[in-house]
N, C-alpha and C. Protein backbone atom coordinates (compact mmCIF):
# COMPACT_ATOMS: atom_id res chain seq x y z
N MET A 1 11.58 75.64 47.21
CA MET A 1 11.87 74.25 47.38
C MET A 1 13.74 73.91 47.02
N ASN A 2 14.61 73.52 48.72
CA ASN A 2 15.80 73.68 48.40
C ASN A 2 16.01 72.26 47.44
N ILE A 3 17.39 71.78 47.35
CA ILE A 3 17.88 70.40 46.85
C ILE A 3 17.38 69.29 47.75
N LEU A 4 17.52 69.34 48.62
CA LEU A 4 17.17 68.66 49.93
C LEU A 4 16.05 68.09 50.14
N ARG A 5 15.23 69.11 49.61
CA ARG A 5 13.69 68.57 48.87
C ARG A 5 13.54 67.64 47.88
N VAL A 6 14.43 68.04 47.40
CA VAL A 6 14.29 67.78 45.92
C VAL A 6 14.44 66.41 45.92
N ALA A 7 15.58 65.97 46.49
CA ALA A 7 16.52 64.46 46.90
C ALA A 7 15.50 63.88 47.68
N PHE A 8 14.38 64.44 48.38
CA PHE A 8 13.65 63.35 49.82
C PHE A 8 12.73 63.02 48.26
N PHE A 9 12.10 63.90 47.65
CA PHE A 9 11.05 63.55 47.30
C PHE A 9 11.38 62.68 46.09
N VAL A 10 12.21 62.55 45.16
CA VAL A 10 12.88 61.70 44.41
C VAL A 10 12.79 60.33 44.95
N ILE A 11 13.49 60.48 46.10
CA ILE A 11 13.94 59.06 46.64
C ILE A 11 12.29 58.49 47.23
N SER A 12 11.65 59.20 47.81
CA SER A 12 10.26 58.62 48.47
C SER A 12 9.35 58.18 46.69
N PHE A 13 9.43 58.56 45.87
CA PHE A 13 9.05 58.54 44.90
C PHE A 13 9.40 56.70 44.36
N LEU A 14 10.77 56.81 44.54
CA LEU A 14 11.43 55.74 44.21
C LEU A 14 11.15 54.50 44.87
N ILE A 15 10.58 54.31 46.15
CA ILE A 15 10.68 53.33 47.38
C ILE A 15 9.38 52.97 47.29
N THR A 16 8.17 53.98 46.96
CA THR A 16 6.74 53.66 46.09
C THR A 16 6.85 52.96 45.47
N PHE A 17 7.37 53.56 44.36
CA PHE A 17 7.08 52.55 42.83
C PHE A 17 7.75 50.97 43.56
N ILE A 18 8.67 51.42 43.82
CA ILE A 18 9.61 49.57 43.97
C ILE A 18 8.43 48.57 44.94
N CYS A 19 8.09 49.68 45.98
CA CYS A 19 7.51 48.67 46.93
C CYS A 19 5.96 48.11 46.29
N PHE A 20 5.19 49.18 45.60
CA PHE A 20 3.87 48.87 45.07
C PHE A 20 3.43 48.74 43.64
N GLY A 21 4.32 48.91 43.03
CA GLY A 21 4.36 49.46 41.64
C GLY A 21 4.29 47.87 41.32
N GLN A 22 3.58 47.68 40.07
CA GLN A 22 3.62 46.13 39.36
C GLN A 22 4.13 46.17 38.03
N ASN A 23 4.70 47.38 37.67
CA ASN A 23 5.53 47.58 36.30
C ASN A 23 6.34 49.14 36.42
N PHE A 24 7.53 48.66 36.98
CA PHE A 24 8.13 49.86 37.13
C PHE A 24 9.59 49.47 36.21
N ASN A 25 9.68 50.39 35.64
CA ASN A 25 11.39 50.52 35.30
C ASN A 25 12.37 51.74 35.72
N ILE A 26 13.40 51.90 35.82
CA ILE A 26 14.49 52.44 36.41
C ILE A 26 15.58 52.55 35.44
N GLY A 27 16.07 53.48 35.42
CA GLY A 27 17.06 53.55 33.80
C GLY A 27 17.98 54.86 33.90
N ILE A 28 18.62 54.92 33.36
CA ILE A 28 19.59 56.25 32.77
C ILE A 28 18.98 56.88 31.26
N VAL A 29 19.24 58.10 31.33
CA VAL A 29 18.90 59.32 30.03
C VAL A 29 20.44 60.14 29.77
N SER A 30 20.73 59.91 28.61
CA SER A 30 21.75 61.58 28.29
C SER A 30 21.23 61.43 26.67
N GLY A 31 21.74 62.85 26.47
CA GLY A 31 21.36 63.47 24.98
C GLY A 31 21.91 64.47 24.78
N ILE A 32 21.70 65.26 24.00
CA ILE A 32 22.16 66.81 23.65
C ILE A 32 21.07 67.50 23.29
N ASN A 33 21.35 69.06 23.64
CA ASN A 33 20.17 69.73 23.62
C ASN A 33 20.37 71.33 22.98
N SER A 34 19.64 71.63 22.36
CA SER A 34 20.07 73.41 21.84
C SER A 34 18.65 74.19 22.28
N SER A 35 19.72 75.06 23.17
CA SER A 35 18.53 75.93 23.67
C SER A 35 18.49 77.83 23.02
N THR A 36 16.90 78.16 23.19
CA THR A 36 17.56 79.63 23.48
C THR A 36 16.47 80.14 24.09
N ILE A 37 16.93 81.76 23.98
CA ILE A 37 16.51 82.72 25.20
C ILE A 37 15.03 83.47 24.21
N ARG A 38 14.03 84.16 25.04
CA ARG A 38 12.99 84.66 24.32
C ARG A 38 12.43 85.65 25.02
N GLY A 39 11.82 86.80 24.67
CA GLY A 39 10.97 87.43 25.71
C GLY A 39 11.76 89.09 25.73
N PHE A 40 12.82 89.41 25.00
CA PHE A 40 13.31 90.58 25.40
C PHE A 40 13.50 91.33 23.94
N GLU A 41 14.25 92.54 24.16
CA GLU A 41 14.40 93.47 22.81
C GLU A 41 15.30 92.87 22.41
N TYR A 42 16.66 92.30 22.58
CA TYR A 42 17.54 91.80 21.93
C TYR A 42 18.12 90.15 21.66
N GLU A 43 16.40 89.84 21.69
CA GLU A 43 16.83 88.67 21.55
C GLU A 43 17.15 87.74 20.22
N ASP A 44 17.39 88.58 19.10
CA ASP A 44 18.00 87.90 18.08
C ASP A 44 19.27 88.08 17.74
N ASP A 45 20.27 89.10 18.98
CA ASP A 45 21.77 88.64 19.39
C ASP A 45 21.83 87.26 19.70
N TYR A 46 21.17 86.79 20.18
CA TYR A 46 21.66 85.54 21.00
C TYR A 46 21.35 84.45 19.52
N SER A 47 21.80 83.15 19.90
CA SER A 47 21.68 81.72 19.50
C SER A 47 21.71 80.74 20.30
N SER A 48 21.97 79.27 19.24
CA SER A 48 21.70 78.53 20.51
C SER A 48 23.17 77.88 20.52
N LYS A 49 23.50 77.05 21.37
CA LYS A 49 24.83 76.04 21.64
C LYS A 49 24.54 75.18 21.89
N PRO A 50 24.80 74.11 21.53
CA PRO A 50 24.81 72.55 21.65
C PRO A 50 25.61 71.91 23.04
N SER A 51 24.69 71.09 24.10
CA SER A 51 25.44 71.40 25.41
C SER A 51 24.29 69.86 25.57
N LEU A 52 24.50 69.74 27.00
CA LEU A 52 24.64 68.20 27.32
C LEU A 52 23.36 68.08 28.22
N ASN A 53 22.31 66.63 28.64
CA ASN A 53 21.52 66.52 29.54
C ASN A 53 21.92 64.67 29.87
N LEU A 54 22.05 64.87 31.66
CA LEU A 54 22.21 63.70 32.03
C LEU A 54 21.68 62.97 33.52
N GLY A 55 20.86 61.83 33.18
CA GLY A 55 19.85 62.20 34.62
C GLY A 55 19.58 60.97 34.54
N PHE A 56 18.34 60.13 35.26
CA PHE A 56 18.10 59.22 35.82
C PHE A 56 16.32 59.30 35.49
N SER A 57 15.49 58.02 35.02
CA SER A 57 14.56 57.99 34.85
C SER A 57 13.94 57.05 35.15
N LEU A 58 12.34 56.95 35.72
CA LEU A 58 11.65 56.19 36.54
C LEU A 58 10.33 56.39 36.08
N GLU A 59 9.72 54.73 35.80
CA GLU A 59 8.65 54.85 34.81
C GLU A 59 8.01 53.84 35.74
N TYR A 60 6.52 54.14 35.61
CA TYR A 60 5.55 53.35 36.28
C TYR A 60 4.30 52.79 35.29
N GLY A 61 4.02 51.56 35.07
CA GLY A 61 3.19 51.58 33.73
C GLY A 61 1.67 51.53 34.63
N LEU A 62 0.81 52.10 33.88
CA LEU A 62 -0.50 52.12 34.56
C LEU A 62 -1.80 51.32 33.93
N THR A 63 -1.10 51.44 32.39
CA THR A 63 -1.95 49.78 31.27
C THR A 63 -0.46 49.55 30.42
N ASN A 64 -0.89 48.83 29.49
CA ASN A 64 0.14 48.28 28.66
C ASN A 64 0.67 49.36 27.55
N SER A 65 -0.25 50.39 27.96
CA SER A 65 0.16 51.58 26.67
C SER A 65 0.07 52.78 27.14
N LEU A 66 -0.29 53.31 28.84
CA LEU A 66 -0.25 54.12 29.68
C LEU A 66 0.95 53.94 30.23
N SER A 67 1.46 55.33 30.67
CA SER A 67 2.45 55.15 32.02
C SER A 67 2.70 56.49 32.58
N THR A 68 3.32 56.60 33.83
CA THR A 68 4.27 57.68 34.17
C THR A 68 5.41 57.99 34.45
N LEU A 69 5.77 59.04 34.13
CA LEU A 69 7.47 59.23 33.92
C LEU A 69 8.02 60.55 34.93
N ILE A 70 8.76 59.93 35.19
CA ILE A 70 9.73 61.72 35.98
C ILE A 70 11.04 60.94 35.65
N HIS A 71 12.07 62.63 35.67
CA HIS A 71 13.53 62.07 35.24
C HIS A 71 14.20 63.41 36.44
N LEU A 72 15.19 62.98 36.89
CA LEU A 72 15.83 63.48 37.12
C LEU A 72 17.02 63.78 36.70
N GLN A 73 17.60 65.30 36.13
CA GLN A 73 18.32 65.41 35.10
C GLN A 73 19.28 66.62 35.50
N TYR A 74 20.56 66.57 34.95
CA TYR A 74 21.02 68.20 34.88
C TYR A 74 21.17 68.18 33.49
N ASP A 75 20.67 69.58 33.62
CA ASP A 75 20.47 69.99 31.74
C ASP A 75 21.45 71.63 31.79
N VAL A 76 22.48 71.51 31.15
CA VAL A 76 23.07 72.96 30.64
C VAL A 76 22.49 73.19 29.31
N LYS A 77 21.85 74.81 29.80
CA LYS A 77 21.68 75.32 28.56
C LYS A 77 22.29 76.71 28.24
N ALA A 78 22.85 76.70 27.14
CA ALA A 78 23.73 77.37 26.35
C ALA A 78 23.69 78.50 25.54
N VAL A 79 23.84 79.87 25.42
CA VAL A 79 23.46 80.19 24.52
C VAL A 79 24.57 81.26 24.18
N ASP A 80 24.73 81.71 22.82
CA ASP A 80 25.99 82.62 22.18
C ASP A 80 25.48 83.81 22.22
N ARG A 81 26.18 85.18 22.04
CA ARG A 81 25.62 86.01 22.19
C ARG A 81 27.07 86.58 20.63
N THR A 82 26.22 87.34 19.49
CA THR A 82 27.37 87.55 18.39
C THR A 82 27.36 89.14 18.56
N ILE A 83 28.15 89.90 18.73
CA ILE A 83 28.23 91.58 18.65
C ILE A 83 29.21 91.90 17.74
N SER A 84 29.14 92.93 16.73
CA SER A 84 29.85 93.53 15.90
C SER A 84 30.23 94.78 16.22
N PHE A 85 31.36 95.03 16.34
CA PHE A 85 31.90 95.93 16.64
C PHE A 85 33.01 96.91 15.47
N LEU A 86 33.16 97.92 15.66
CA LEU A 86 34.10 98.94 14.12
C LEU A 86 35.60 98.85 14.74
N ASP A 87 36.52 98.32 14.02
CA ASP A 87 37.85 98.15 13.77
C ASP A 87 38.14 99.38 13.08
N LEU A 88 38.30 100.58 14.13
CA LEU A 88 38.81 101.76 13.30
C LEU A 88 40.03 101.60 12.46
N SER A 89 41.03 100.76 13.21
CA SER A 89 42.33 100.51 12.43
C SER A 89 42.20 100.43 10.99
N GLN A 90 40.95 99.26 10.98
CA GLN A 90 41.00 98.56 9.33
C GLN A 90 39.59 98.83 8.55
N GLY A 91 38.68 99.92 9.86
CA GLY A 91 37.73 100.24 9.12
C GLY A 91 36.52 99.48 8.83
N THR A 92 36.85 98.31 9.16
CA THR A 92 35.83 97.09 9.46
C THR A 92 35.37 96.65 10.69
N TYR A 93 33.80 95.61 10.30
CA TYR A 93 33.01 95.53 11.38
C TYR A 93 33.73 94.31 11.48
N ASN A 94 34.09 93.88 12.89
CA ASN A 94 34.06 92.34 13.59
C ASN A 94 33.00 91.78 14.00
N ASP A 95 33.12 90.52 14.52
CA ASP A 95 31.88 89.91 15.24
C ASP A 95 32.90 89.14 16.66
N VAL A 96 32.40 89.66 17.39
CA VAL A 96 32.66 88.37 18.84
C VAL A 96 31.77 87.99 19.68
N THR A 97 31.58 86.97 19.36
CA THR A 97 30.58 85.94 20.39
C THR A 97 31.35 84.90 21.57
N ASN A 98 30.49 85.53 22.49
CA ASN A 98 30.33 84.98 24.30
C ASN A 98 29.25 83.66 24.40
N THR A 99 29.63 83.51 25.22
CA THR A 99 28.92 82.05 25.87
C THR A 99 28.14 82.19 27.01
N THR A 100 27.28 82.03 27.04
CA THR A 100 26.44 82.42 28.80
C THR A 100 25.65 80.54 28.91
N LYS A 101 26.27 80.35 30.21
CA LYS A 101 25.72 79.10 30.48
C LYS A 101 24.74 78.72 31.63
N TYR A 102 23.61 78.38 31.39
CA TYR A 102 22.51 78.39 32.68
C TYR A 102 22.39 76.78 33.05
N ASN A 103 23.24 76.43 34.37
CA ASN A 103 23.19 74.85 34.91
C ASN A 103 21.89 74.21 35.41
N TYR A 104 21.32 73.78 35.53
CA TYR A 104 19.89 73.78 36.01
C TYR A 104 19.34 71.81 36.41
N LEU A 105 19.07 72.01 37.84
CA LEU A 105 18.84 70.59 38.05
C LEU A 105 17.27 70.13 37.64
N THR A 106 17.06 69.73 36.72
CA THR A 106 15.44 69.71 36.38
C THR A 106 14.57 68.33 36.14
N ILE A 107 13.37 68.47 36.60
CA ILE A 107 12.73 67.35 36.89
C ILE A 107 11.19 67.50 35.93
N PRO A 108 11.67 66.67 34.71
CA PRO A 108 10.35 66.56 34.12
C PRO A 108 9.40 65.55 35.20
N LEU A 109 8.14 65.86 35.07
CA LEU A 109 6.57 64.88 34.92
C LEU A 109 5.82 64.70 34.08
N LEU A 110 6.10 63.42 33.49
CA LEU A 110 5.22 62.95 32.25
C LEU A 110 4.39 62.02 32.66
N ILE A 111 3.71 62.26 31.21
CA ILE A 111 2.33 60.76 31.00
C ILE A 111 2.84 60.38 29.78
N ARG A 112 3.59 59.26 29.11
CA ARG A 112 3.87 58.49 28.25
C ARG A 112 2.67 57.57 27.82
N TYR A 113 2.15 57.67 26.14
CA TYR A 113 1.47 57.19 25.71
C TYR A 113 2.09 56.17 24.68
N LYS A 114 2.06 54.91 24.49
CA LYS A 114 2.88 53.64 23.49
C LYS A 114 2.07 53.65 22.36
N ILE A 115 2.44 53.41 21.60
CA ILE A 115 1.63 52.87 20.49
C ILE A 115 2.34 52.04 19.77
N GLY A 116 1.78 50.66 19.07
CA GLY A 116 2.09 49.81 18.38
C GLY A 116 2.04 48.30 19.44
N LYS A 117 2.31 47.32 18.42
CA LYS A 117 2.83 45.94 19.52
C LYS A 117 4.09 45.61 18.96
N GLY A 118 4.26 44.81 19.43
CA GLY A 118 5.37 44.11 19.60
C GLY A 118 6.91 44.30 20.11
N ASN A 119 8.26 44.29 19.59
CA ASN A 119 9.18 44.76 20.42
C ASN A 119 9.20 46.20 20.37
N LEU A 120 9.16 46.84 18.97
CA LEU A 120 9.28 48.23 18.53
C LEU A 120 8.02 48.84 18.58
N LYS A 121 7.95 50.05 19.45
CA LYS A 121 6.68 50.87 19.63
C LYS A 121 7.37 52.21 19.47
N GLY A 122 6.34 53.55 18.92
CA GLY A 122 6.08 54.60 19.03
C GLY A 122 5.65 55.05 20.40
N PHE A 123 5.95 55.99 21.04
CA PHE A 123 5.58 56.90 22.36
C PHE A 123 5.26 58.37 21.90
N VAL A 124 4.51 58.90 22.60
CA VAL A 124 4.31 59.97 22.92
C VAL A 124 4.20 60.34 24.37
N ASN A 125 5.13 61.56 24.80
CA ASN A 125 5.54 62.03 26.44
C ASN A 125 4.58 63.55 26.02
N ILE A 126 4.19 63.91 27.54
CA ILE A 126 3.55 64.99 27.40
C ILE A 126 3.71 65.55 29.15
N GLY A 127 3.67 66.75 29.36
CA GLY A 127 3.78 67.07 31.28
C GLY A 127 4.34 68.29 30.81
N GLY A 128 5.18 68.25 32.24
CA GLY A 128 5.70 69.90 32.74
C GLY A 128 7.08 69.59 33.16
N PHE A 129 7.55 70.39 33.67
CA PHE A 129 9.06 70.67 34.46
C PHE A 129 9.15 71.39 35.53
N ILE A 130 10.19 71.55 36.34
CA ILE A 130 10.30 72.24 37.35
C ILE A 130 11.99 72.11 37.32
N SER A 131 12.53 73.21 37.22
CA SER A 131 14.13 73.30 37.26
C SER A 131 14.50 73.86 38.20
N PHE A 132 15.88 73.57 38.98
CA PHE A 132 16.43 74.15 39.91
C PHE A 132 17.65 74.75 39.52
N LEU A 133 17.78 76.24 39.46
CA LEU A 133 18.73 76.97 38.88
C LEU A 133 20.39 76.88 40.04
N GLN A 134 21.08 76.20 39.21
CA GLN A 134 22.53 75.58 40.37
C GLN A 134 23.88 76.77 39.93
N SER A 135 24.06 77.27 39.00
CA SER A 135 24.97 78.22 38.40
C SER A 135 24.50 78.75 37.12
N VAL A 136 25.66 80.07 36.88
CA VAL A 136 25.08 80.49 35.82
C VAL A 136 26.39 80.98 35.06
N SER A 137 27.38 80.94 33.77
CA SER A 137 28.11 81.15 34.20
C SER A 137 28.37 82.29 32.16
N TYR A 138 29.59 83.18 32.61
CA TYR A 138 29.74 83.70 31.18
C TYR A 138 31.22 83.89 31.10
N GLU A 139 31.78 83.21 29.48
CA GLU A 139 32.81 82.85 29.34
C GLU A 139 33.28 82.38 30.14
N GLY A 140 32.98 81.41 31.16
CA GLY A 140 33.63 80.66 32.22
C GLY A 140 33.57 81.08 33.35
N GLU A 141 33.61 82.55 33.77
CA GLU A 141 33.33 82.71 34.77
C GLU A 141 31.96 82.67 35.67
N GLU A 142 31.97 82.79 36.69
CA GLU A 142 30.70 82.62 37.66
C GLU A 142 29.93 83.73 37.34
N LEU A 143 28.53 84.17 37.61
CA LEU A 143 27.90 84.75 37.68
C LEU A 143 27.22 85.15 39.06
N ASN A 144 26.66 86.70 39.18
CA ASN A 144 25.83 86.48 40.98
C ASN A 144 24.68 85.81 40.72
N MET A 145 24.26 84.71 41.40
CA MET A 145 23.29 84.29 41.30
C MET A 145 21.77 84.95 41.54
N ARG A 146 22.12 85.81 42.27
CA ARG A 146 20.99 86.78 42.99
C ARG A 146 20.25 87.16 41.57
N ASN A 147 20.71 87.56 40.45
CA ASN A 147 20.43 88.14 39.17
C ASN A 147 19.29 87.26 38.75
N TYR A 148 19.33 85.94 39.02
CA TYR A 148 18.52 84.78 38.64
C TYR A 148 17.74 84.17 39.07
N GLU A 149 16.28 84.07 38.90
CA GLU A 149 15.41 83.42 39.36
C GLU A 149 15.73 81.68 39.79
N LYS A 150 15.90 81.15 40.80
CA LYS A 150 15.99 80.02 41.31
C LYS A 150 15.32 78.45 40.82
N GLN A 151 14.27 79.10 40.36
CA GLN A 151 13.46 77.74 39.82
C GLN A 151 12.50 78.21 38.18
N GLU A 152 12.82 77.39 37.78
CA GLU A 152 11.67 77.46 35.99
C GLU A 152 10.95 76.56 36.14
N PHE A 153 9.84 76.95 35.57
CA PHE A 153 8.13 75.69 35.10
C PHE A 153 8.14 76.42 34.09
N GLY A 154 7.66 75.15 33.45
CA GLY A 154 7.33 74.68 31.68
C GLY A 154 6.90 73.92 31.41
N LEU A 155 6.30 73.35 30.29
CA LEU A 155 5.47 72.68 29.60
C LEU A 155 6.67 71.39 28.55
N VAL A 156 6.06 70.25 28.83
CA VAL A 156 7.04 69.42 28.28
C VAL A 156 6.29 68.59 27.05
N GLY A 157 6.82 68.36 25.84
CA GLY A 157 6.03 67.28 24.64
C GLY A 157 7.69 66.88 24.10
N GLY A 158 6.89 65.64 23.98
CA GLY A 158 8.13 65.02 23.26
C GLY A 158 7.45 63.79 22.11
N VAL A 159 8.15 62.85 21.18
CA VAL A 159 8.17 61.63 20.61
C VAL A 159 9.20 60.96 20.19
N GLY A 160 8.76 59.56 20.43
CA GLY A 160 9.83 58.93 20.54
C GLY A 160 9.99 57.38 19.69
N LEU A 161 10.75 56.35 20.19
CA LEU A 161 10.73 54.83 19.63
C LEU A 161 11.16 54.22 20.85
N LEU A 162 10.77 53.49 21.45
CA LEU A 162 11.17 52.24 22.90
C LEU A 162 11.24 51.13 21.83
N TYR A 163 12.45 50.55 22.07
CA TYR A 163 12.79 49.21 21.47
C TYR A 163 12.66 48.30 22.56
N LYS A 164 12.15 47.02 22.95
CA LYS A 164 12.37 45.91 24.13
C LYS A 164 13.14 45.22 23.64
N LEU A 165 14.71 44.96 24.38
CA LEU A 165 15.75 44.39 23.79
C LEU A 165 15.55 42.78 24.52
N ASN A 166 14.93 42.64 25.64
CA ASN A 166 13.91 41.56 26.52
C ASN A 166 13.39 41.74 27.05
N ASN A 167 13.04 40.67 28.60
CA ASN A 167 11.99 41.16 29.34
C ASN A 167 12.40 41.97 30.15
N LYS A 168 13.62 42.30 30.33
CA LYS A 168 14.30 43.29 31.27
C LYS A 168 14.50 44.65 30.82
N LEU A 169 15.10 44.37 29.70
CA LEU A 169 15.82 46.21 28.97
C LEU A 169 15.00 46.38 27.80
N ASN A 170 15.19 47.81 27.85
CA ASN A 170 14.50 48.55 27.21
C ASN A 170 15.51 50.25 26.65
N ILE A 171 15.11 49.92 25.18
CA ILE A 171 16.42 51.35 24.98
C ILE A 171 15.54 52.20 24.22
N THR A 172 15.39 53.67 24.29
CA THR A 172 14.18 54.35 23.83
C THR A 172 15.44 55.58 23.08
N LEU A 173 14.70 55.87 22.46
CA LEU A 173 15.20 57.48 20.99
C LEU A 173 14.36 58.21 20.88
N GLU A 174 14.24 59.84 22.17
CA GLU A 174 13.27 60.92 22.07
C GLU A 174 13.81 61.58 21.61
N GLY A 175 12.69 62.83 20.91
CA GLY A 175 13.11 64.28 20.50
C GLY A 175 12.30 65.07 21.35
N ARG A 176 12.36 65.96 22.35
CA ARG A 176 11.81 66.68 23.08
C ARG A 176 12.07 68.19 23.25
N ASP A 177 11.11 68.76 23.41
CA ASP A 177 10.56 70.14 23.57
C ASP A 177 10.25 70.61 25.15
N SER A 178 11.38 71.40 25.60
CA SER A 178 10.78 72.07 26.82
C SER A 178 10.78 73.72 26.71
N TYR A 179 9.27 73.67 26.87
CA TYR A 179 9.29 75.13 26.90
C TYR A 179 8.87 76.13 27.91
N GLY A 180 9.75 76.74 28.35
CA GLY A 180 10.11 77.26 29.62
C GLY A 180 8.83 78.44 29.57
N LEU A 181 7.88 78.60 30.57
CA LEU A 181 6.75 80.07 30.57
C LEU A 181 7.44 81.00 31.73
N THR A 182 8.25 80.75 32.38
CA THR A 182 8.35 82.21 33.61
C THR A 182 9.81 82.97 33.23
N ASN A 183 10.02 83.86 33.63
CA ASN A 183 10.96 84.59 33.42
C ASN A 183 12.10 83.79 34.42
N ILE A 184 13.31 83.71 34.15
CA ILE A 184 14.34 83.48 35.22
C ILE A 184 15.07 84.69 35.24
N SER A 185 14.84 85.70 35.11
CA SER A 185 16.05 86.94 35.26
C SER A 185 15.16 87.77 36.34
N ALA A 186 15.98 88.02 37.83
CA ALA A 186 15.59 88.14 38.96
C ALA A 186 15.61 89.86 38.77
N ILE A 187 16.41 90.26 37.63
CA ILE A 187 16.44 91.82 37.66
C ILE A 187 15.60 92.16 36.27
N PRO A 188 15.38 93.91 36.39
CA PRO A 188 14.84 94.37 35.00
C PRO A 188 15.96 94.02 33.72
N VAL A 189 15.02 93.35 32.72
CA VAL A 189 15.84 92.68 31.14
C VAL A 189 16.49 94.06 30.74
N ASP A 190 15.22 94.80 30.12
CA ASP A 190 15.14 95.90 29.23
C ASP A 190 14.40 97.05 29.67
N TYR A 191 14.23 98.24 28.46
CA TYR A 191 13.39 99.33 29.29
C TYR A 191 11.79 98.46 28.87
N ASN A 192 11.97 97.51 28.31
CA ASN A 192 10.22 97.11 27.16
C ASN A 192 9.80 96.47 28.58
N ASP A 193 9.84 96.26 29.68
CA ASP A 193 9.35 95.02 30.82
C ASP A 193 9.73 93.93 30.18
N GLY A 194 10.89 93.44 29.83
CA GLY A 194 11.13 92.44 28.94
C GLY A 194 11.38 91.34 29.90
N GLU A 195 11.23 90.13 29.09
CA GLU A 195 11.89 88.67 30.19
C GLU A 195 12.80 87.72 29.45
N ILE A 196 13.27 87.07 30.11
CA ILE A 196 14.10 85.70 29.84
C ILE A 196 13.57 84.67 30.16
N LYS A 197 12.89 83.77 28.72
CA LYS A 197 12.47 82.45 29.13
C LYS A 197 13.18 81.40 27.87
N THR A 198 13.27 80.45 28.29
CA THR A 198 13.88 79.59 27.63
C THR A 198 13.18 78.90 26.69
N ASN A 199 13.79 78.23 25.96
CA ASN A 199 13.09 76.66 25.11
C ASN A 199 14.10 75.48 24.77
N THR A 200 14.08 74.70 25.32
CA THR A 200 15.39 73.67 24.66
C THR A 200 14.72 72.89 23.84
N ILE A 201 15.02 72.31 22.63
CA ILE A 201 15.24 70.74 22.28
C ILE A 201 16.33 69.88 22.35
N SER A 202 15.79 68.99 22.72
CA SER A 202 17.19 67.69 23.24
C SER A 202 16.69 66.52 22.56
N ILE A 203 17.67 65.92 22.09
CA ILE A 203 17.60 64.24 21.64
C ILE A 203 18.29 63.88 22.39
N LEU A 204 17.30 62.81 23.58
CA LEU A 204 17.88 61.89 24.36
C LEU A 204 17.73 60.30 24.09
N LEU A 205 18.96 59.72 24.43
CA LEU A 205 18.88 58.50 24.38
C LEU A 205 18.70 57.59 25.74
N GLY A 206 17.86 56.44 26.09
CA GLY A 206 17.58 56.06 27.21
C GLY A 206 17.87 54.56 27.40
N PHE A 207 18.30 54.09 28.45
CA PHE A 207 18.71 52.64 28.64
C PHE A 207 17.47 52.28 30.03
N SER A 208 16.53 51.41 30.07
CA SER A 208 15.95 51.15 31.10
C SER A 208 16.07 49.63 31.36
N ILE A 209 15.29 48.99 32.46
CA ILE A 209 15.42 47.93 33.20
C ILE A 209 14.50 47.61 34.12
N ASN A 210 13.61 47.04 33.64
CA ASN A 210 12.11 46.68 34.47
C ASN A 210 12.68 45.88 35.74
N VAL A 211 12.53 46.44 37.12
CA VAL A 211 12.97 46.08 38.61
C VAL A 211 11.92 45.39 39.25
N LYS A 212 10.48 45.28 38.64
CA LYS A 212 8.95 44.57 38.75
C LYS A 212 8.55 44.40 38.17
């Protein structure tokens, strides 16, 4: 699936909901995330580095408590690798830290269940995601995309609060975990058949408007 197909899917989804939906919200979502990678021999050398999420949200209310939710967002998943080396002139070990960034266009598809009454409600999100790799960089230099899988799949879970400002406007705050299930490396990772899988924890702030 390429980017044009993704855009066509999202636009079709939006048009369908606007035309036929009875409770439809559109909004923007932004936040920070912390990503880790796992599944290979040297994973302990890597640590998370705070990065950004930015995107759009579409929500369709099925009942007063249950809705479906789709996002189209740009994710930066960044990790640091720290390596110690011996400085022969000083006789000491020094640490060097380098950053790798994986830039994705991500589509989470979720079910949202709202809890409570009144203007302030809690909610739980559960579902899955597909991500499309846009670029990979190491210390600011672009890496060969042929070494990485073009798509990533995984599970999503989140909890948060929704506050209804008025009949049209809503604000949300959510903690979300996106747990990658597929190997993002297209080449061997180590001698033990290792894989590179991601896990991203995000804090997301959203604003939405009821358009129907």
